[in-house]
Amino acid sequence: VTTKNSGMLASPANRIHSMDHDVCTCGELFAGGFSGWTQALRRLEAMNFKIDHRFALECDAECVMFFSKSHDFKHVFGPEDFSCLHDDLPTHVLLHADVKIGGWMHLIGCHAYDFLMMSPPCPPWSMATSAQGLMKEDGRLTLVSFGLCNLIRPKVLLFENVAAMKSHDQWSFLRDMLHWCGY
């Protein structure tokens, strides 16, 4: 783990569980600029649910900027530097990073996650772009994210059914991968 492309995650067995069992700890992959998931979390918080949104990850620079402004995530790391000089990791971490490159992984900390939210890239699954699915690089990011879920081991995975993914001819394979990961 000495290169910037390497990452380290705490094993699921060694993750720290929240002492306050009323708080739901969560993270987000493929956050986008507006993030419907984060909007939903804000609404839940307004209804007095306790949510600890620990991190959000996005690779597009404009989306990172919009997300940071829209959701008040002040701690932005990446895309080149993922070093944190604090003894304790800050909360509400926005990671400007590629999901395939692990240099950011240590910034999600060693907390146990109640749920992980994701909205995989839409174009590979859309009929408007000939629905190439896993044949496109950004379509394969869906499988990378499933692998990360298998490593992070949230209790619940919230997965957006983007642009007719469930009717795509590769859906049965994706569903099988989710089942293999335990979801």
Protein backbone atom coordinates (compact mmCIF):
# COMPACT_ATOMS: atom_id res chain seq x y z
CA VAL A 1 0.00 0.00 0.00
CA THR A 2 2.84 2.37 -0.69
CA THR A 3 1.67 3.61 -4.08
CA LYS A 4 -1.03 6.22 -4.63
CA ASN A 5 -3.17 3.65 -6.44
CA SER A 6 -3.17 1.29 -3.45
CA GLY A 7 -5.65 1.43 -0.64
CA MET A 8 -6.33 -0.09 2.72
CA LEU A 9 -9.63 -0.92 4.36
CA ALA A 10 -10.26 -2.21 7.86
CA SER A 11 -11.57 -5.76 7.78
CA PRO A 12 -15.30 -6.04 8.51
CA ALA A 13 -14.58 -7.94 11.73
CA ASN A 14 -12.43 -5.05 13.04
CA ARG A 15 -14.79 -2.20 12.23
CA ILE A 16 -15.97 0.11 14.99
CA HIS A 17 -19.71 -0.02 15.62
CA SER A 18 -21.46 3.15 16.72
CA MET A 19 -22.02 3.40 20.45
CA ASP A 20 -25.29 5.21 19.70
CA HIS A 21 -27.48 2.51 18.18
CA ASP A 22 -29.99 5.13 17.04
CA VAL A 23 -27.50 6.57 14.52
CA CYS A 24 -27.33 5.11 11.00
CA THR A 25 -23.83 5.32 9.53
CA CYS A 26 -23.67 5.48 5.74
CA GLY A 27 -21.48 6.16 2.73
CA GLU A 28 -22.12 6.88 -0.93
CA LEU A 29 -20.50 5.82 -4.21
CA PHE A 30 -21.08 7.68 -7.51
CA ALA A 31 -22.49 10.69 -5.64
CA GLY A 32 -22.94 12.97 -8.65
CA GLY A 33 -23.44 16.70 -8.25
CA PHE A 34 -26.91 16.78 -6.76
CA SER A 35 -27.19 13.28 -5.23
CA GLY A 36 -30.72 12.09 -4.80
CA TRP A 37 -29.48 9.81 -2.01
CA THR A 38 -28.09 12.72 -0.02
CA GLN A 39 -31.30 14.66 -0.61
CA ALA A 40 -33.21 11.71 0.87
CA LEU A 41 -30.85 11.62 3.88
CA ARG A 42 -31.42 15.32 4.48
CA ARG A 43 -35.17 14.72 4.47
CA LEU A 44 -34.79 11.84 6.93
CA GLU A 45 -32.71 14.07 9.21
CA ALA A 46 -35.45 16.71 9.04
CA MET A 47 -37.81 13.98 10.27
CA ASN A 48 -35.47 13.49 13.30
CA PHE A 49 -33.71 10.34 12.09
CA LYS A 50 -30.07 10.34 13.14
CA ILE A 51 -27.83 9.89 10.09
CA ASP A 52 -24.02 9.93 10.02
CA HIS A 53 -23.18 10.39 6.32
CA ARG A 54 -19.45 9.63 6.64
CA PHE A 55 -18.32 9.87 3.00
CA ALA A 56 -19.35 10.46 -0.59
CA LEU A 57 -17.24 9.52 -3.62
CA GLU A 58 -17.38 11.08 -7.08
CA CYS A 59 -14.82 11.21 -9.91
CA ASP A 60 -16.13 14.15 -11.98
CA ALA A 61 -14.61 17.52 -10.92
CA GLU A 62 -17.74 19.56 -11.67
CA CYS A 63 -19.94 17.11 -9.77
CA VAL A 64 -17.55 17.25 -6.80
CA MET A 65 -17.79 21.05 -6.78
CA PHE A 66 -21.60 21.03 -6.98
CA PHE A 67 -21.94 18.28 -4.36
CA SER A 68 -19.66 20.14 -1.96
CA LYS A 69 -21.69 23.33 -2.31
CA SER A 70 -25.10 21.63 -2.29
CA HIS A 71 -24.51 19.43 0.73
CA ASP A 72 -21.94 21.41 2.74
CA PHE A 73 -19.22 18.76 2.67
CA LYS A 74 -16.19 20.85 3.67
CA HIS A 75 -13.56 18.09 3.77
CA VAL A 76 -12.69 17.36 0.14
CA PHE A 77 -9.81 14.99 -0.63
CA GLY A 78 -8.33 14.21 -4.06
CA PRO A 79 -7.97 13.74 -6.88
CA GLU A 80 -4.19 13.72 -6.36
CA ASP A 81 -3.73 14.01 -2.60
CA PHE A 82 -5.53 11.74 -0.15
CA SER A 83 -3.39 12.48 2.88
CA CYS A 84 -5.13 13.45 6.10
CA LEU A 85 -3.04 15.21 8.72
CA HIS A 86 -5.68 14.93 11.45
CA ASP A 87 -5.44 12.33 14.20
CA ASP A 88 -9.12 11.56 13.69
CA LEU A 89 -10.71 11.43 10.28
CA PRO A 90 -13.22 14.21 9.72
CA THR A 91 -16.87 13.39 9.11
CA HIS A 92 -18.67 14.31 5.91
CA VAL A 93 -15.68 13.50 3.71
CA LEU A 94 -16.07 14.15 -0.01
CA LEU A 95 -13.68 12.05 -2.08
CA HIS A 96 -12.79 13.29 -5.56
CA ALA A 97 -11.61 9.89 -6.71
CA ASP A 98 -11.97 7.06 -9.16
CA VAL A 99 -13.74 4.10 -7.58
CA LYS A 100 -11.19 1.75 -9.26
CA ILE A 101 -8.13 3.35 -7.68
CA GLY A 102 -7.73 2.60 -3.98
CA GLY A 103 -5.68 5.56 -2.72
CA TRP A 104 -8.76 7.02 -1.02
CA MET A 105 -9.94 3.95 0.84
CA HIS A 106 -8.29 4.75 4.17
CA LEU A 107 -10.42 7.91 4.37
CA ILE A 108 -13.63 5.96 4.93
CA GLY A 109 -12.17 4.97 8.27
CA CYS A 110 -12.79 1.87 10.29
CA HIS A 111 -16.44 2.48 11.13
CA ALA A 112 -19.07 -0.15 10.49
CA TYR A 113 -21.57 1.05 7.91
CA ASP A 114 -25.27 0.49 8.28
CA PHE A 115 -25.87 1.22 4.62
CA LEU A 116 -24.03 2.14 1.45
CA MET A 117 -25.79 4.02 -1.33
CA MET A 118 -24.84 4.05 -4.99
CA SER A 119 -26.07 5.28 -8.34
CA PRO A 120 -23.91 3.59 -10.98
CA PRO A 121 -23.18 5.50 -14.20
CA CYS A 122 -26.34 5.60 -16.34
CA PRO A 123 -25.05 5.70 -19.96
CA PRO A 124 -23.94 2.05 -20.22
CA TRP A 125 -27.42 0.86 -19.27
CA SER A 126 -29.48 3.35 -21.24
CA MET A 127 -31.20 2.42 -24.50
CA ALA A 128 -30.36 5.95 -25.69
CA THR A 129 -26.68 4.92 -25.81
CA SER A 130 -27.27 1.40 -27.20
CA ALA A 131 -27.13 -0.15 -23.69
CA GLN A 132 -23.68 -1.70 -23.94
CA GLY A 133 -23.66 -2.44 -20.20
CA LEU A 134 -20.58 -4.30 -19.05
CA MET A 135 -19.01 -3.93 -22.49
CA LYS A 136 -18.30 -0.26 -21.61
CA GLU A 137 -15.67 0.72 -19.06
CA ASP A 138 -18.10 2.80 -17.03
CA GLY A 139 -20.53 -0.13 -17.05
CA ARG A 140 -17.89 -2.30 -15.43
CA LEU A 141 -17.67 0.26 -12.61
CA THR A 142 -20.87 -1.34 -11.37
CA LEU A 143 -18.96 -4.58 -10.75
CA VAL A 144 -16.10 -2.67 -9.08
CA SER A 145 -18.63 -1.06 -6.75
CA PHE A 146 -20.10 -4.49 -5.90
CA GLY A 147 -16.60 -5.64 -5.00
CA LEU A 148 -16.18 -2.62 -2.71
CA CYS A 149 -19.49 -3.40 -1.06
CA ASN A 150 -18.22 -6.89 -0.42
CA LEU A 151 -15.17 -5.39 1.31
CA ILE A 152 -16.94 -2.60 3.24
CA ARG A 153 -19.81 -4.96 4.21
CA PRO A 154 -22.61 -2.50 4.98
CA LYS A 155 -25.70 -4.07 6.51
CA VAL A 156 -27.82 -2.73 3.64
CA LEU A 157 -26.96 -1.78 0.07
CA LEU A 158 -29.13 0.88 -1.57
CA PHE A 159 -28.68 0.57 -5.32
CA GLU A 160 -30.39 2.77 -7.89
CA ASN A 161 -31.98 0.90 -10.79
CA VAL A 162 -30.56 3.29 -13.37
CA ALA A 163 -32.04 3.69 -16.86
CA ALA A 164 -33.74 0.33 -17.27
CA MET A 165 -30.86 -1.67 -15.80
CA LYS A 166 -33.27 -4.27 -14.46
CA SER A 167 -34.55 -4.98 -17.98
CA HIS A 168 -31.03 -5.13 -19.44
CA ASP A 169 -29.94 -8.56 -20.72
CA GLN A 170 -27.00 -8.48 -18.25
CA TRP A 171 -29.24 -7.89 -15.23
CA SER A 172 -29.31 -11.56 -14.22
CA PHE A 173 -25.51 -11.56 -14.02
CA LEU A 174 -25.53 -8.34 -11.95
CA ARG A 175 -28.22 -9.77 -9.68
CA ASP A 176 -26.16 -12.93 -9.22
CA MET A 177 -23.12 -10.81 -8.30
CA LEU A 178 -25.18 -8.95 -5.71
CA HIS A 179 -26.35 -12.25 -4.25
CA TRP A 180 -22.79 -13.55 -4.23
CA CYS A 181 -21.79 -10.43 -2.24
CA GLY A 182 -24.51 -11.26 0.26
CA TYR A 183 -27.19 -8.77 -0.83
